[in-house]
C-alpha atoms as a PDB file:
ATOM      1  CA  MET A   1      -0.031  -0.195   0.053  1.00  0.00           C
ATOM      2  CA  LYS A   2       2.815   2.616   0.777  1.00  0.00           C
ATOM      3  CA  LEU A   3       4.737   1.705  -2.391  1.00  0.00           C
ATOM      4  CA  LEU A   4       1.215   2.492  -4.637  1.00  0.00           C
ATOM      5  CA  THR A   5       1.258   5.937  -2.572  1.00  0.00           C
ATOM      6  CA  TRP A   6       4.804   6.777  -3.507  1.00  0.00           C
ATOM      7  CA  MET A   7       3.639   5.273  -6.941  1.00  0.00           C
ATOM      8  CA  SER A   8       0.440   7.741  -6.982  1.00  0.00           C
ATOM      9  CA  ILE A   9       2.548  10.864  -6.006  1.00  0.00           C
ATOM     10  CA  ILE A  10       5.314  10.713  -8.519  1.00  0.00           C
ATOM     11  CA  LEU A  11       2.809  10.228 -11.424  1.00  0.00           C
ATOM     12  CA  LEU A  12       0.976  13.371 -10.138  1.00  0.00           C
ATOM     13  CA  LEU A  13       4.334  15.326 -10.098  1.00  0.00           C
ATOM     14  CA  PHE A  14       4.443  13.967 -13.837  1.00  0.00           C
ATOM     15  CA  SER A  15       1.170  14.732 -14.580  1.00  0.00           C
ATOM     16  CA  THR A  16       1.379  17.898 -12.663  1.00  0.00           C
ATOM     17  CA  GLY A  17       4.190  18.694 -15.133  1.00  0.00           C
ATOM     18  CA  ALA A  18       4.141  18.202 -18.272  1.00  0.00           C
ATOM     19  CA  THR A  19       0.677  20.203 -18.110  1.00  0.00           C
ATOM     20  CA  LYS A  20       2.560  23.187 -17.074  1.00  0.00           C
ATOM     21  CA  SER A  21       5.063  22.371 -19.404  1.00  0.00           C
ATOM     22  CA  ALA A  22       2.313  22.679 -21.835  1.00  0.00           C
ATOM     23  CA  ASP A  23       0.899  25.634 -20.190  1.00  0.00           C
ATOM     24  CA  SER A  24       3.796  27.654 -20.466  1.00  0.00           C
ATOM     25  CA  GLU A  25       4.367  26.162 -24.334  1.00  0.00           C
ATOM     26  CA  THR A  26       0.530  28.124 -24.986  1.00  0.00           C
ATOM     27  CA  ASN A  27       1.080  30.838 -22.571  1.00  0.00           C
ATOM     28  CA  ASP A  28       4.273  32.031 -24.828  1.00  0.00           C
ATOM     29  CA  ARG A  29       2.538  31.210 -28.723  1.00  0.00           C
ATOM     30  CA  VAL A  30      -0.190  33.365 -27.613  1.00  0.00           C
ATOM     31  CA  LEU A  31       2.431  36.406 -26.913  1.00  0.00           C
ATOM     32  CA  ALA A  32       4.470  36.119 -29.321  1.00  0.00           C
ATOM     33  CA  LEU A  33       1.680  36.265 -31.390  1.00  0.00           C
ATOM     34  CA  HIS A  34       0.238  39.128 -29.786  1.00  0.00           C
ATOM     35  CA  LEU A  35       3.189  41.225 -30.169  1.00  0.00           C
ATOM     36  CA  ALA A  36       3.670  40.246 -33.620  1.00  0.00           C
ATOM     37  CA  GLN A  37       0.152  41.389 -34.560  1.00  0.00           C
ATOM     38  CA  MET A  38       0.816  44.552 -32.656  1.00  0.00           C
ATOM     39  CA  TYR A  39       4.069  45.724 -34.710  1.00  0.00           C
ATOM     40  CA  GLU A  40       2.398  43.838 -37.156  1.00  0.00           C
ATOM     41  CA  LEU A  41       5.421  41.450 -37.537  1.00  0.00           C
ATOM     42  CA  ASN A  42       6.275  39.582 -41.027  1.00  0.00           C
ATOM     43  CA  PRO A  43       6.278  36.080 -40.153  1.00  0.00           C
ATOM     44  CA  ASN A  44       9.087  35.484 -43.261  1.00  0.00           C
ATOM     45  CA  GLU A  45      11.322  37.971 -41.439  1.00  0.00           C
ATOM     46  CA  PHE A  46      10.781  38.186 -37.585  1.00  0.00           C
ATOM     47  CA  GLU A  47      10.605  35.377 -34.840  1.00  0.00           C
ATOM     48  CA  VAL A  48       9.441  35.997 -31.752  1.00  0.00           C
ATOM     49  CA  GLU A  49      10.785  34.422 -28.385  1.00  0.00           C
ATOM     50  CA  VAL A  50       9.449  34.564 -25.454  1.00  0.00           C
ATOM     51  CA  LYS A  51      12.742  34.781 -22.275  1.00  0.00           C
ATOM     52  CA  SER A  52      10.753  35.397 -19.284  1.00  0.00           C
ATOM     53  CA  ASN A  53       7.365  35.570 -18.228  1.00  0.00           C
ATOM     54  CA  ARG A  54       6.238  37.076 -14.830  1.00  0.00           C
ATOM     55  CA  LEU A  55       2.587  36.542 -14.857  1.00  0.00           C
ATOM     56  CA  GLY A  56       2.223  33.649 -12.749  1.00  0.00           C
ATOM     57  CA  ASP A  57       0.028  30.043 -13.598  1.00  0.00           C
ATOM     58  CA  VAL A  58      -2.357  31.766 -16.080  1.00  0.00           C
ATOM     59  CA  ASP A  59      -4.666  30.516 -19.051  1.00  0.00           C
ATOM     60  CA  LEU A  60      -3.443  33.837 -21.988  1.00  0.00           C
ATOM     61  CA  SER A  61      -5.842  31.367 -24.661  1.00  0.00           C
ATOM     62  CA  GLU A  62      -8.743  32.569 -22.335  1.00  0.00           C
ATOM     63  CA  THR A  63      -7.478  35.765 -20.910  1.00  0.00           C
ATOM     64  CA  THR A  64      -7.934  38.827 -22.344  1.00  0.00           C
ATOM     65  CA  PHE A  65      -5.080  40.883 -21.883  1.00  0.00           C
ATOM     66  CA  GLU A  66      -2.945  44.602 -22.490  1.00  0.00           C
ATOM     67  CA  PHE A  67       0.572  45.217 -23.570  1.00  0.00           C
ATOM     68  CA  GLU A  68       2.793  48.067 -22.477  1.00  0.00           C
ATOM     69  CA  PRO A  69       5.761  48.688 -24.242  1.00  0.00           C
ATOM     70  CA  LEU A  70       8.874  49.653 -22.122  1.00  0.00           C
ATOM     71  CA  THR A  71      10.862  51.119 -24.681  1.00  0.00           C
ATOM     72  CA  GLN A  72       9.910  53.290 -27.631  1.00  0.00           C
ATOM     73  CA  ARG A  73      11.874  51.987 -30.001  1.00  0.00           C
ATOM     74  CA  ASP A  74      10.675  49.092 -32.507  1.00  0.00           C
ATOM     75  CA  PRO A  75      10.500  44.978 -31.217  1.00  0.00           C
ATOM     76  CA  LEU A  76      13.721  44.052 -32.232  1.00  0.00           C
ATOM     77  CA  GLY A  77      16.579  41.458 -29.772  1.00  0.00           C
ATOM     78  CA  LEU A  78      15.454  41.767 -26.054  1.00  0.00           C
ATOM     79  CA  PHE A  79      12.501  44.054 -26.108  1.00  0.00           C
ATOM     80  CA  THR A  80      10.237  43.886 -22.826  1.00  0.00           C
ATOM     81  CA  VAL A  81       6.281  44.734 -21.650  1.00  0.00           C
ATOM     82  CA  ALA A  82       4.294  45.017 -19.006  1.00  0.00           C
ATOM     83  CA  VAL A  83       1.326  42.906 -19.870  1.00  0.00           C
ATOM     84  CA  THR A  84      -2.115  43.946 -17.488  1.00  0.00           C
ATOM     85  CA  LEU A  85      -4.786  40.769 -17.593  1.00  0.00           C
ATOM     86  CA  THR A  86      -8.134  40.691 -16.769  1.00  0.00           C
ATOM     87  CA  GLY A  87      -9.443  37.453 -14.675  1.00  0.00           C
ATOM     88  CA  THR A  88     -13.136  36.909 -14.463  1.00  0.00           C
ATOM     89  CA  ASP A  89     -13.914  38.195 -11.139  1.00  0.00           C
ATOM     90  CA  ASP A  90     -12.937  41.639 -12.506  1.00  0.00           C
ATOM     91  CA  LYS A  91      -9.227  41.748 -10.891  1.00  0.00           C
ATOM     92  CA  SER A  92      -6.528  43.046 -12.358  1.00  0.00           C
ATOM     93  CA  ARG A  93      -2.865  42.078 -12.198  1.00  0.00           C
ATOM     94  CA  SER A  94       0.046  42.337 -14.292  1.00  0.00           C
ATOM     95  CA  GLY A  95       3.211  41.299 -14.299  1.00  0.00           C
ATOM     96  CA  GLN A  96       6.288  41.884 -17.448  1.00  0.00           C
ATOM     97  CA  VAL A  97       6.975  39.887 -19.977  1.00  0.00           C
ATOM     98  CA  ARG A  98      10.239  39.808 -21.765  1.00  0.00           C
ATOM     99  CA  PHE A  99      11.081  39.044 -25.330  1.00  0.00           C
ATOM    100  CA  TYR A 100      14.251  38.213 -27.939  1.00  0.00           C
ATOM    101  CA  VAL A 101      12.591  39.551 -31.985  1.00  0.00           C
ATOM    102  CA  HIS A 102      14.804  38.063 -33.964  1.00  0.00           C
ATOM    103  CA  GLN A 103      15.132  39.243 -37.329  1.00  0.00           C
ATOM    104  CA  PHE A 104      15.720  37.254 -40.714  1.00  0.00           C
ATOM    105  CA  GLN A 105      16.703  37.984 -44.543  1.00  0.00           C
ATOM    106  CA  GLU A 106      17.667  36.600 -47.192  1.00  0.00           C
ATOM    107  CA  VAL A 107      21.519  37.967 -47.394  1.00  0.00           C
ATOM    108  CA  LEU A 108      24.754  36.955 -49.361  1.00  0.00           C
ATOM    109  CA  VAL A 109      26.946  35.358 -47.177  1.00  0.00           C
ATOM    110  CA  MET A 110      30.672  34.103 -48.280  1.00  0.00           C
ATOM    111  CA  THR A 111      31.237  30.741 -48.890  1.00  0.00           C
ATOM    112  CA  ASP A 112      35.019  31.134 -49.382  1.00  0.00           C
ATOM    113  CA  LYS A 113      37.468  33.248 -47.623  1.00  0.00           C
ATOM    114  CA  VAL A 114      39.178  36.719 -49.406  1.00  0.00           C
ATOM    115  CA  GLN A 115      41.094  38.746 -48.971  1.00  0.00           C
ATOM    116  CA  ARG A 116      41.142  42.909 -48.737  1.00  0.00           C
ATOM    117  CA  SER A 117      41.640  44.187 -52.419  1.00  0.00           C
ATOM    118  CA  GLN A 118      40.513  40.729 -54.004  1.00  0.00           C
ATOM    119  CA  GLU A 119      37.557  40.748 -56.534  1.00  0.00           C
ATOM    120  CA  ILE A 120      34.620  38.942 -55.043  1.00  0.00           C
ATOM    121  CA  THR A 121      33.301  36.734 -57.854  1.00  0.00           C
ATOM    122  CA  SER A 122      29.699  35.437 -57.030  1.00  0.00           C
ATOM    123  CA  ASP A 123      31.086  31.566 -56.768  1.00  0.00           C
ATOM    124  CA  LYS A 124      32.555  33.159 -53.227  1.00  0.00           C
ATOM    125  CA  LEU A 125      28.916  33.542 -51.637  1.00  0.00           C
ATOM    126  CA  GLU A 126      25.658  32.934 -51.924  1.00  0.00           C
ATOM    127  CA  LEU A 127      22.210  33.967 -50.882  1.00  0.00           C
ATOM    128  CA  ARG A 128      21.071  32.627 -47.731  1.00  0.00           C
ATOM    129  CA  ARG A 129      17.885  33.117 -45.268  1.00  0.00           C
ATOM    130  CA  THR A 130      20.112  34.597 -42.353  1.00  0.00           C
ATOM    131  CA  GLU A 131      19.812  36.201 -38.871  1.00  0.00           C
ATOM    132  CA  ILE A 132      20.615  39.574 -39.356  1.00  0.00           C
ATOM    133  CA  THR A 133      19.774  40.744 -35.432  1.00  0.00           C
ATOM    134  CA  ASN A 134      23.083  42.512 -34.711  1.00  0.00           C
ATOM    135  CA  LEU A 135      23.885  42.961 -37.730  1.00  0.00           C
ATOM    136  CA  LYS A 136      25.623  47.055 -37.702  1.00  0.00           C
ATOM    137  CA  GLU A 137      26.314  47.668 -40.767  1.00  0.00           C
ATOM    138  CA  GLN A 138      23.776  46.824 -44.112  1.00  0.00           C
ATOM    139  CA  PRO A 139      23.417  43.748 -45.942  1.00  0.00           C
ATOM    140  CA  VAL A 140      24.340  42.713 -49.364  1.00  0.00           C
ATOM    141  CA  THR A 141      21.329  41.136 -50.650  1.00  0.00           C
ATOM    142  CA  ASP A 142      22.165  41.488 -54.775  1.00  0.00           C
ATOM    143  CA  LYS A 143      24.713  40.313 -56.714  1.00  0.00           C
ATOM    144  CA  ASN A 144      23.993  42.831 -58.988  1.00  0.00           C
ATOM    145  CA  GLN A 145      25.817  45.331 -56.166  1.00  0.00           C
ATOM    146  CA  LEU A 146      28.797  44.335 -56.685  1.00  0.00           C
ATOM    147  CA  ILE A 147      29.364  44.880 -60.144  1.00  0.00           C
ATOM    148  CA  GLY A 148      32.222  47.026 -60.384  1.00  0.00           C
ATOM    149  CA  MET A 149      33.305  46.604 -56.640  1.00  0.00           C
ATOM    150  CA  ARG A 150      36.222  45.047 -54.419  1.00  0.00           C
ATOM    151  CA  ALA A 151      36.663  43.552 -50.812  1.00  0.00           C
ATOM    152  CA  ALA A 152      37.043  46.405 -48.532  1.00  0.00           C
ATOM    153  CA  ARG A 153      38.728  44.534 -46.105  1.00  0.00           C
ATOM    154  CA  ASN A 154      39.904  40.741 -45.449  1.00  0.00           C
ATOM    155  CA  LEU A 155      36.784  38.697 -45.459  1.00  0.00           C
ATOM    156  CA  ARG A 156      35.672  35.625 -44.094  1.00  0.00           C
ATOM    157  CA  MET A 157      34.292  32.457 -45.095  1.00  0.00           C
ATOM    158  CA  GLY A 158      30.284  32.436 -43.840  1.00  0.00           C
ATOM    159  CA  ALA A 159      29.888  36.160 -42.827  1.00  0.00           C
ATOM    160  CA  ILE A 160      27.356  38.221 -44.225  1.00  0.00           C
ATOM    161  CA  LEU A 161      28.231  40.643 -46.704  1.00  0.00           C
ATOM    162  CA  THR A 162      27.848  44.636 -45.841  1.00  0.00           C
ATOM    163  CA  ALA A 163      28.199  47.239 -47.790  1.00  0.00           C
ATOM    164  CA  ASN A 164      31.101  48.997 -45.605  1.00  0.00           C
ATOM    165  CA  GLY A 165      32.814  45.529 -46.543  1.00  0.00           C
ATOM    166  CA  LEU A 166      32.458  46.965 -50.073  1.00  0.00           C
ATOM    167  CA  GLU A 167      35.344  49.098 -51.743  1.00  0.00           C
ATOM    168  CA  GLN A 168      34.528  50.651 -55.584  1.00  0.00           C
ATOM    169  CA  THR A 169      37.727  49.241 -57.841  1.00  0.00           C
ATOM    170  CA  PRO A 170      40.426  52.049 -58.689  1.00  0.00           C
ATOM    171  CA  ASP A 171      41.004  53.116 -61.918  1.00  0.00           C
ATOM    172  CA  ILE A 172      44.730  53.980 -60.435  1.00  0.00           C
ATOM    173  CA  GLU A 173      45.947  52.184 -57.432  1.00  0.00           C
ATOM    174  CA  SER A 174      48.479  53.643 -55.040  1.00  0.00           C
ATOM    175  CA  GLY A 175      51.948  53.024 -56.514  1.00  0.00           C
ATOM    176  CA  HIS A 176      51.490  52.363 -59.796  1.00  0.00           C
ATOM    177  CA  GLU A 177      53.094  54.015 -62.946  1.00  0.00           C
ATOM    178  CA  ILE A 178      50.967  56.997 -64.590  1.00  0.00           C
ATOM    179  CA  SER A 179      51.701  59.011 -67.457  1.00  0.00           C
ATOM    180  CA  ILE A 180      50.612  62.940 -66.347  1.00  0.00           C
ATOM    181  CA  VAL A 181      49.147  64.996 -69.095  1.00  0.00           C
ATOM    182  CA  ILE A 182      49.640  68.818 -69.108  1.00  0.00           C
ATOM    183  CA  SER A 183      46.871  70.526 -71.482  1.00  0.00           C
ATOM    184  CA  ASP A 184      45.894  74.272 -72.085  1.00  0.00           C
ATOM    185  CA  GLY A 185      44.127  73.163 -75.403  1.00  0.00           C
ATOM    186  CA  LEU A 186      47.264  74.344 -77.764  1.00  0.00           C
ATOM    187  CA  CYS A 187      50.252  72.275 -76.137  1.00  0.00           C
ATOM    188  CA  ARG A 188      50.534  69.320 -74.643  1.00  0.00           C
ATOM    189  CA  ILE A 189      52.987  68.413 -72.231  1.00  0.00           C
ATOM    190  CA  GLU A 190      53.249  64.377 -71.066  1.00  0.00           C
ATOM    191  CA  ALA A 191      55.847  63.045 -68.665  1.00  0.00           C
ATOM    192  CA  ARG A 192      56.081  59.299 -66.368  1.00  0.00           C
ATOM    193  CA  GLY A 193      55.225  59.969 -62.344  1.00  0.00           C
ATOM    194  CA  VAL A 194      53.694  57.025 -60.031  1.00  0.00           C
ATOM    195  CA  ALA A 195      50.311  57.583 -58.310  1.00  0.00           C
ATOM    196  CA  LEU A 196      50.334  58.195 -54.068  1.00  0.00           C
ATOM    197  CA  GLN A 197      46.486  57.625 -53.869  1.00  0.00           C
ATOM    198  CA  ASN A 198      44.191  55.825 -54.996  1.00  0.00           C
ATOM    199  CA  GLY A 199      41.255  56.881 -57.543  1.00  0.00           C
ATOM    200  CA  VAL A 200      38.500  56.616 -59.742  1.00  0.00           C
ATOM    201  CA  ALA A 201      37.856  58.429 -63.178  1.00  0.00           C
ATOM    202  CA  GLY A 202      37.000  62.026 -61.404  1.00  0.00           C
ATOM    203  CA  ASP A 203      38.515  62.061 -58.421  1.00  0.00           C
ATOM    204  CA  TYR A 204      42.115  63.938 -57.621  1.00  0.00           C
ATOM    205  CA  ILE A 205      44.609  62.767 -56.003  1.00  0.00           C
ATOM    206  CA  LYS A 206      48.491  63.083 -55.367  1.00  0.00           C
ATOM    207  CA  VAL A 207      50.978  61.716 -57.785  1.00  0.00           C
ATOM    208  CA  LYS A 208      54.429  62.269 -58.220  1.00  0.00           C
ATOM    209  CA  ASN A 209      56.371  63.602 -61.126  1.00  0.00           C
ATOM    210  CA  ARG A 210      59.853  60.731 -61.394  1.00  0.00           C
ATOM    211  CA  SER A 211      61.473  63.661 -63.490  1.00  0.00           C
ATOM    212  CA  SER A 212      61.629  66.462 -60.943  1.00  0.00           C
ATOM    213  CA  GLY A 213      60.108  64.826 -58.322  1.00  0.00           C
ATOM    214  CA  LYS A 214      57.716  66.833 -57.553  1.00  0.00           C
ATOM    215  CA  ILE A 215      54.575  66.081 -55.769  1.00  0.00           C
ATOM    216  CA  LEU A 216      51.277  67.656 -57.583  1.00  0.00           C
ATOM    217  CA  ILE A 217      47.314  67.112 -57.618  1.00  0.00           C
ATOM    218  CA  ALA A 218      46.129  65.393 -60.435  1.00  0.00           C
ATOM    219  CA  ARG A 219      42.369  63.807 -61.592  1.00  0.00           C
ATOM    220  CA  VAL A 220      42.167  60.232 -63.033  1.00  0.00           C
ATOM    221  CA  VAL A 221      41.674  60.760 -66.638  1.00  0.00           C
ATOM    222  CA  ASP A 222      41.487  56.486 -66.792  1.00  0.00           C
ATOM    223  CA  SER A 223      43.668  53.081 -65.330  1.00  0.00           C
ATOM    224  CA  ARG A 224      46.827  54.755 -67.591  1.00  0.00           C
ATOM    225  CA  ALA A 225      46.434  58.559 -67.303  1.00  0.00           C
ATOM    226  CA  VAL A 226      46.063  61.784 -65.080  1.00  0.00           C
ATOM    227  CA  ALA A 227      45.382  65.000 -66.065  1.00  0.00           C
ATOM    228  CA  ILE A 228      46.438  68.677 -64.179  1.00  0.00           C
ATOM    229  CA  ASP A 229      44.458  71.023 -64.792  1.00  0.00           C
ATOM    230  CA  LEU A 230      45.192  74.589 -66.202  1.00  0.00           C
END
């Protein structure tokens, strides 16, 4: 008889635990859905997770409640709200609920490493749905954004490609031999020089005249020449 009593208690504990777990999961779904609807969060882009719930033992599927956010910012990352609920006896009580709102987006992810100043070819990345909740830079989402660009820093495999990780491929790079052209429309003088800065067509960069050693400011014409404006 004593054995049966202990067995009954153990079964009751397991049964109670399972019920509470199920109720907790139901409440989490109700709370997450309410927050998503309140802020019109696209389910393809956002996932809401309940981190902690201080409302106590209550069935939210059968209880009316209201949210009051504790911050004015948009829900992203950790986000806390005060929840006020009203029972059937018209007595109100409240508690805080902490959410974590995950944001996802189809972004370009590196499938291989690329060194700084190297071209990023399409075979070194793929479009993948990835969490960007804590990403501080603007992700790149279209391979067309890579046209005329190169890596602005070392990029590791698995990293999200961002706009800050790209830079325009220069027409002239520092250290390259170039022609320095001086022309007033009637007379044209050309000298050999070396670029001291990177630049694309239209940029003004520092160049050094090979013969005189002078440092000049010249306009980039193309990948081979710069011009001195008179």
